[in-house]
Amino acid sequence: ELHLEDRMEIENPDMRSWSEMAFRVDGFTESVKIALIGKYTGLQDAYLSVIKSLKHASIACEKKLELVWVEAAMLEDKENADEYESAW
């Protein structure tokens, strides 16, 4: 054990503003739907910075974020008509 309490002054952080924001976000009733088109939509970590940016923007607009993942290949592959139509 490090026993740093006597070396550092640790205060309880004021989490009121964070709690208020979290409750506000939970109360959003309107949503915004955004389609993310990409090559690696199965690997959402590849789009993590984009997802976080969109989430912050939706919070600023007081809207729930609804992401729709679209594989880019589905937009080009007219051979599989069902997937092509659902992608568009």
N, C-alpha and C. Protein backbone atom coordinates (compact mmCIF):
# COMPACT_ATOMS: atom_id res chain seq x y z
N GLU A 1 0.83 -1.18 0.00
CA GLU A 1 0.00 0.00 0.00
C GLU A 1 0.87 1.24 0.00
N LEU A 2 0.35 2.27 -0.64
CA LEU A 2 1.13 3.50 -0.76
C LEU A 2 0.91 4.48 0.39
N HIS A 3 -0.26 4.51 0.98
CA HIS A 3 -0.59 5.42 2.08
C HIS A 3 -0.25 6.87 1.72
N LEU A 4 -0.91 7.37 0.69
CA LEU A 4 -0.64 8.73 0.23
C LEU A 4 -1.51 9.78 0.91
N GLU A 5 -2.45 9.36 1.75
CA GLU A 5 -3.37 10.31 2.37
C GLU A 5 -2.63 11.41 3.12
N ASP A 6 -1.56 11.06 3.82
CA ASP A 6 -0.83 12.07 4.59
C ASP A 6 0.04 12.95 3.71
N ARG A 7 0.30 12.57 2.49
CA ARG A 7 1.14 13.36 1.58
C ARG A 7 0.31 14.23 0.64
N MET A 8 -0.92 13.85 0.41
CA MET A 8 -1.76 14.58 -0.54
C MET A 8 -3.05 15.00 0.15
N GLU A 9 -3.49 16.18 -0.21
CA GLU A 9 -4.77 16.64 0.30
C GLU A 9 -5.83 16.23 -0.71
N ILE A 10 -6.66 15.27 -0.35
CA ILE A 10 -7.68 14.76 -1.25
C ILE A 10 -9.04 15.25 -0.76
N GLU A 11 -9.74 15.92 -1.68
CA GLU A 11 -11.06 16.42 -1.35
C GLU A 11 -12.10 15.66 -2.15
N ASN A 12 -13.30 15.64 -1.62
CA ASN A 12 -14.39 15.04 -2.38
C ASN A 12 -14.76 15.99 -3.50
N PRO A 13 -14.77 15.52 -4.74
CA PRO A 13 -15.11 16.41 -5.85
C PRO A 13 -16.60 16.78 -5.83
N ASP A 14 -16.89 17.96 -6.32
CA ASP A 14 -18.28 18.42 -6.42
C ASP A 14 -18.84 17.87 -7.73
N MET A 15 -19.71 16.89 -7.64
CA MET A 15 -20.25 16.23 -8.82
C MET A 15 -21.65 16.73 -9.18
N ARG A 16 -22.09 17.83 -8.59
CA ARG A 16 -23.45 18.32 -8.84
C ARG A 16 -23.69 18.65 -10.30
N SER A 17 -22.77 19.36 -10.93
CA SER A 17 -22.99 19.74 -12.33
C SER A 17 -23.00 18.51 -13.23
N TRP A 18 -22.17 17.53 -12.91
CA TRP A 18 -22.15 16.28 -13.69
C TRP A 18 -23.48 15.54 -13.52
N SER A 19 -23.96 15.46 -12.29
CA SER A 19 -25.23 14.78 -12.03
C SER A 19 -26.39 15.47 -12.73
N GLU A 20 -26.41 16.79 -12.68
CA GLU A 20 -27.46 17.55 -13.36
C GLU A 20 -27.46 17.28 -14.85
N MET A 21 -26.27 17.27 -15.45
CA MET A 21 -26.16 17.00 -16.88
C MET A 21 -26.65 15.58 -17.20
N ALA A 22 -26.28 14.62 -16.39
CA ALA A 22 -26.68 13.23 -16.62
C ALA A 22 -28.20 13.09 -16.54
N PHE A 23 -28.83 13.73 -15.58
CA PHE A 23 -30.29 13.68 -15.47
C PHE A 23 -30.96 14.38 -16.64
N ARG A 24 -30.38 15.50 -17.10
CA ARG A 24 -30.93 16.20 -18.27
C ARG A 24 -30.87 15.30 -19.49
N VAL A 25 -29.73 14.65 -19.71
CA VAL A 25 -29.55 13.77 -20.88
C VAL A 25 -30.58 12.64 -20.85
N ASP A 26 -30.81 12.08 -19.68
CA ASP A 26 -31.79 11.00 -19.55
C ASP A 26 -33.21 11.47 -19.86
N GLY A 27 -33.44 12.76 -19.75
CA GLY A 27 -34.78 13.29 -19.97
C GLY A 27 -35.05 13.79 -21.37
N PHE A 28 -34.09 13.73 -22.26
CA PHE A 28 -34.32 14.20 -23.63
C PHE A 28 -35.43 13.37 -24.27
N THR A 29 -36.37 14.04 -24.93
CA THR A 29 -37.47 13.33 -25.57
C THR A 29 -37.33 13.31 -27.09
N GLU A 30 -36.76 14.35 -27.66
CA GLU A 30 -36.55 14.38 -29.11
C GLU A 30 -35.23 13.74 -29.45
N SER A 31 -35.16 13.18 -30.65
CA SER A 31 -33.91 12.55 -31.05
C SER A 31 -33.47 13.07 -32.41
N VAL A 32 -32.21 12.85 -32.69
CA VAL A 32 -31.65 13.17 -34.00
C VAL A 32 -31.05 11.86 -34.54
N LYS A 33 -31.40 11.54 -35.78
CA LYS A 33 -30.93 10.30 -36.39
C LYS A 33 -29.82 10.63 -37.39
N ILE A 34 -28.67 10.01 -37.20
CA ILE A 34 -27.52 10.24 -38.06
C ILE A 34 -27.01 8.91 -38.57
N ALA A 35 -26.80 8.84 -39.88
CA ALA A 35 -26.25 7.63 -40.49
C ALA A 35 -24.74 7.75 -40.56
N LEU A 36 -24.07 6.73 -40.08
CA LEU A 36 -22.61 6.66 -40.19
C LEU A 36 -22.30 5.63 -41.27
N ILE A 37 -21.68 6.09 -42.31
CA ILE A 37 -21.33 5.22 -43.43
C ILE A 37 -19.85 4.95 -43.36
N GLY A 38 -19.50 3.68 -43.37
CA GLY A 38 -18.09 3.36 -43.26
C GLY A 38 -17.77 1.96 -43.74
N LYS A 39 -16.49 1.72 -43.81
CA LYS A 39 -16.01 0.42 -44.27
C LYS A 39 -15.91 -0.58 -43.13
N TYR A 40 -15.69 -0.09 -41.92
CA TYR A 40 -15.48 -0.98 -40.77
C TYR A 40 -16.55 -0.75 -39.71
N THR A 41 -17.81 -0.78 -40.11
CA THR A 41 -18.89 -0.47 -39.17
C THR A 41 -19.04 -1.55 -38.10
N GLY A 42 -18.52 -2.73 -38.34
CA GLY A 42 -18.55 -3.79 -37.34
C GLY A 42 -17.58 -3.52 -36.19
N LEU A 43 -16.61 -2.66 -36.43
CA LEU A 43 -15.62 -2.29 -35.41
C LEU A 43 -15.89 -0.86 -34.97
N GLN A 44 -16.83 -0.70 -34.05
CA GLN A 44 -17.23 0.65 -33.66
C GLN A 44 -16.10 1.43 -33.00
N ASP A 45 -15.10 0.74 -32.47
CA ASP A 45 -13.94 1.44 -31.89
C ASP A 45 -13.22 2.26 -32.94
N ALA A 46 -13.31 1.84 -34.21
CA ALA A 46 -12.65 2.58 -35.29
C ALA A 46 -13.28 3.96 -35.47
N TYR A 47 -14.51 4.13 -35.00
CA TYR A 47 -15.23 5.39 -35.15
C TYR A 47 -15.46 6.08 -33.81
N LEU A 48 -14.70 5.70 -32.81
CA LEU A 48 -14.94 6.18 -31.45
C LEU A 48 -14.91 7.70 -31.35
N SER A 49 -13.94 8.35 -31.98
CA SER A 49 -13.86 9.81 -31.87
C SER A 49 -15.05 10.47 -32.57
N VAL A 50 -15.51 9.90 -33.67
CA VAL A 50 -16.67 10.44 -34.38
C VAL A 50 -17.92 10.27 -33.52
N ILE A 51 -18.07 9.09 -32.92
CA ILE A 51 -19.22 8.82 -32.07
C ILE A 51 -19.25 9.77 -30.88
N LYS A 52 -18.11 9.95 -30.24
CA LYS A 52 -18.04 10.86 -29.09
C LYS A 52 -18.37 12.30 -29.50
N SER A 53 -17.88 12.73 -30.64
CA SER A 53 -18.17 14.09 -31.12
C SER A 53 -19.66 14.27 -31.38
N LEU A 54 -20.28 13.27 -32.01
CA LEU A 54 -21.70 13.35 -32.29
C LEU A 54 -22.52 13.32 -31.00
N LYS A 55 -22.08 12.53 -30.05
CA LYS A 55 -22.77 12.45 -28.76
C LYS A 55 -22.72 13.81 -28.04
N HIS A 56 -21.55 14.44 -28.02
CA HIS A 56 -21.42 15.75 -27.39
C HIS A 56 -22.28 16.80 -28.11
N ALA A 57 -22.29 16.72 -29.44
CA ALA A 57 -23.11 17.67 -30.20
C ALA A 57 -24.59 17.46 -29.92
N SER A 58 -25.01 16.21 -29.82
CA SER A 58 -26.43 15.94 -29.54
C SER A 58 -26.82 16.42 -28.15
N ILE A 59 -25.92 16.28 -27.20
CA ILE A 59 -26.19 16.79 -25.84
C ILE A 59 -26.32 18.31 -25.87
N ALA A 60 -25.45 18.97 -26.61
CA ALA A 60 -25.51 20.43 -26.71
C ALA A 60 -26.83 20.89 -27.34
N CYS A 61 -27.38 20.06 -28.24
CA CYS A 61 -28.66 20.38 -28.90
C CYS A 61 -29.86 19.82 -28.14
N GLU A 62 -29.59 19.18 -27.01
CA GLU A 62 -30.60 18.57 -26.16
C GLU A 62 -31.45 17.56 -26.92
N LYS A 63 -30.77 16.66 -27.66
CA LYS A 63 -31.42 15.61 -28.42
C LYS A 63 -30.75 14.27 -28.11
N LYS A 64 -31.55 13.21 -28.17
CA LYS A 64 -30.98 11.86 -28.06
C LYS A 64 -30.32 11.54 -29.39
N LEU A 65 -29.18 10.90 -29.33
CA LEU A 65 -28.47 10.51 -30.55
C LEU A 65 -28.88 9.11 -30.96
N GLU A 66 -29.32 8.99 -32.20
CA GLU A 66 -29.70 7.70 -32.76
C GLU A 66 -28.79 7.45 -33.97
N LEU A 67 -27.84 6.55 -33.80
CA LEU A 67 -26.90 6.25 -34.88
C LEU A 67 -27.42 5.09 -35.72
N VAL A 68 -27.30 5.24 -37.03
CA VAL A 68 -27.65 4.18 -37.97
C VAL A 68 -26.36 3.81 -38.69
N TRP A 69 -25.95 2.57 -38.52
CA TRP A 69 -24.70 2.11 -39.12
C TRP A 69 -24.99 1.56 -40.52
N VAL A 70 -24.26 2.07 -41.50
CA VAL A 70 -24.42 1.62 -42.89
C VAL A 70 -23.05 1.20 -43.41
N GLU A 71 -22.97 -0.03 -43.84
CA GLU A 71 -21.73 -0.53 -44.46
C GLU A 71 -21.62 0.08 -45.85
N ALA A 72 -20.50 0.71 -46.14
CA ALA A 72 -20.31 1.42 -47.41
C ALA A 72 -20.50 0.49 -48.60
N ALA A 73 -20.09 -0.75 -48.47
CA ALA A 73 -20.22 -1.69 -49.59
C ALA A 73 -21.68 -1.91 -49.97
N MET A 74 -22.59 -1.78 -49.01
CA MET A 74 -24.01 -1.97 -49.33
C MET A 74 -24.54 -0.89 -50.26
N LEU A 75 -23.92 0.27 -50.24
CA LEU A 75 -24.36 1.37 -51.11
C LEU A 75 -23.90 1.18 -52.54
N GLU A 76 -22.95 0.30 -52.76
CA GLU A 76 -22.38 0.08 -54.09
C GLU A 76 -22.84 -1.23 -54.71
N ASP A 77 -23.21 -2.20 -53.89
CA ASP A 77 -23.51 -3.55 -54.35
C ASP A 77 -24.98 -3.65 -54.76
N LYS A 78 -25.25 -3.42 -56.06
CA LYS A 78 -26.62 -3.50 -56.54
C LYS A 78 -27.05 -4.95 -56.80
N GLU A 79 -26.11 -5.88 -56.71
CA GLU A 79 -26.43 -7.29 -56.94
C GLU A 79 -27.33 -7.84 -55.83
N ASN A 80 -27.13 -7.39 -54.60
CA ASN A 80 -27.98 -7.80 -53.50
C ASN A 80 -28.99 -6.67 -53.26
N ALA A 81 -30.09 -6.73 -53.97
CA ALA A 81 -31.06 -5.64 -54.02
C ALA A 81 -31.62 -5.29 -52.65
N ASP A 82 -31.89 -6.28 -51.80
CA ASP A 82 -32.48 -5.99 -50.48
C ASP A 82 -31.54 -5.15 -49.61
N GLU A 83 -30.27 -5.57 -49.53
CA GLU A 83 -29.30 -4.81 -48.74
C GLU A 83 -29.08 -3.42 -49.33
N TYR A 84 -29.02 -3.34 -50.65
CA TYR A 84 -28.81 -2.07 -51.33
C TYR A 84 -29.94 -1.10 -51.00
N GLU A 85 -31.19 -1.56 -51.12
CA GLU A 85 -32.34 -0.70 -50.85
C GLU A 85 -32.41 -0.31 -49.37
N SER A 86 -32.12 -1.24 -48.47
CA SER A 86 -32.21 -0.89 -47.04
C SER A 86 -31.11 0.09 -46.64
N ALA A 87 -29.97 0.03 -47.32
CA ALA A 87 -28.89 0.97 -47.02
C ALA A 87 -29.25 2.39 -47.42
N TRP A 88 -30.02 2.52 -48.50
CA TRP A 88 -30.43 3.85 -48.96
C TRP A 88 -31.67 4.27 -48.23
